[in-house]
Amino acid sequence: METKLTLKLEQRIINSAKKYAENNHRSLSRLVEDYFRNLVADKPRAEEYPPLIKKLSGVISEHDLQKLSREDDRAKYILRAE
């Protein structure tokens, strides 16, 4: 059952969200619903991750992740081929 929800937000946030929704071919309501769905979703706790994931966690810093770009497509292709 769908229910109406009223939110109070800064106008600039609303405008930005509307633009984002339009650019991604989604409604603003759908974006908010997806956000809430992800927010309350059951997420696995760290101890539930497989040992390999735990071992690799933190190997690359957030800063280094941001430096990666499409120029690294060749490396991705090589790694995928393995």
Protein backbone atom coordinates (compact mmCIF):
# COMPACT_ATOMS: atom_id res chain seq x y z
CA MET A 1 0.00 0.00 0.00
CA GLU A 2 1.41 3.37 -0.95
CA THR A 3 1.11 6.25 1.48
CA LYS A 4 1.86 9.91 0.96
CA LEU A 5 4.82 11.38 2.87
CA THR A 6 5.57 15.07 3.36
CA LEU A 7 9.19 16.13 3.83
CA LYS A 8 10.70 19.53 4.61
CA LEU A 9 14.01 20.06 2.82
CA GLU A 10 16.09 22.97 1.62
CA GLN A 11 14.91 24.17 -1.78
CA ARG A 12 18.35 23.72 -3.35
CA ILE A 13 18.41 20.07 -2.22
CA ILE A 14 14.97 19.50 -3.72
CA ASN A 15 16.02 21.09 -7.01
CA SER A 16 19.21 19.04 -7.16
CA ALA A 17 17.34 15.84 -6.34
CA LYS A 18 14.72 16.54 -9.02
CA LYS A 19 17.45 17.13 -11.58
CA TYR A 20 19.24 13.93 -10.54
CA ALA A 21 15.98 11.97 -10.78
CA GLU A 22 15.24 13.35 -14.22
CA ASN A 23 18.75 12.61 -15.48
CA ASN A 24 18.40 9.03 -14.23
CA HIS A 25 14.87 8.53 -15.61
CA ARG A 26 13.35 8.01 -12.17
CA SER A 27 10.81 9.83 -10.08
CA LEU A 28 11.81 11.70 -6.97
CA SER A 29 9.45 9.47 -5.00
CA ARG A 30 11.23 6.40 -6.31
CA LEU A 31 14.62 7.81 -5.30
CA VAL A 32 13.40 8.48 -1.76
CA GLU A 33 11.79 5.04 -1.54
CA ASP A 34 14.98 3.35 -2.74
CA TYR A 35 17.02 5.34 -0.23
CA PHE A 36 14.78 4.29 2.66
CA ARG A 37 14.74 0.69 1.45
CA ASN A 38 18.56 0.61 1.44
CA LEU A 39 18.74 2.40 4.76
CA VAL A 40 16.67 -0.20 6.59
CA ALA A 41 17.88 -3.25 4.66
CA ASP A 42 19.57 -5.99 6.63
CA LYS A 43 23.26 -5.68 5.93
CA PRO A 44 25.74 -8.43 6.74
CA ARG A 45 27.95 -7.74 9.73
CA ALA A 46 31.71 -7.66 9.16
CA GLU A 47 32.17 -11.08 10.77
CA GLU A 48 29.78 -12.58 8.21
CA TYR A 49 32.09 -11.74 5.32
CA PRO A 50 34.20 -14.57 3.89
CA PRO A 51 37.83 -14.67 5.09
CA LEU A 52 39.21 -13.46 1.74
CA ILE A 53 37.02 -10.34 1.87
CA LYS A 54 38.14 -9.63 5.43
CA LYS A 55 41.77 -10.04 4.38
CA LEU A 56 41.42 -7.65 1.43
CA SER A 57 39.36 -5.07 3.31
CA GLY A 58 41.30 -1.81 3.59
CA VAL A 59 44.03 -2.81 1.13
CA ILE A 60 43.31 0.22 -1.04
CA SER A 61 42.54 3.58 0.48
CA GLU A 62 39.47 5.67 -0.39
CA HIS A 63 41.85 8.30 -1.80
CA ASP A 64 43.40 5.76 -4.18
CA LEU A 65 39.97 4.51 -5.24
CA GLN A 66 39.02 8.04 -6.24
CA LYS A 67 42.17 8.32 -8.39
CA LEU A 68 41.17 5.31 -10.48
CA SER A 69 39.66 6.24 -13.81
CA ARG A 70 38.58 4.81 -17.11
CA GLU A 71 42.25 4.81 -18.09
CA ASP A 72 42.47 1.67 -16.00
CA ASP A 73 40.09 -0.22 -18.32
CA ARG A 74 43.03 -2.17 -19.73
CA ALA A 75 43.94 -3.45 -16.28
CA LYS A 76 40.32 -4.37 -15.62
CA TYR A 77 40.21 -6.29 -18.90
CA ILE A 78 43.39 -8.20 -18.03
CA LEU A 79 42.13 -9.05 -14.53
CA ARG A 80 38.79 -10.22 -15.90
CA ALA A 81 40.56 -12.57 -18.33
CA GLU A 82 42.29 -14.42 -15.49
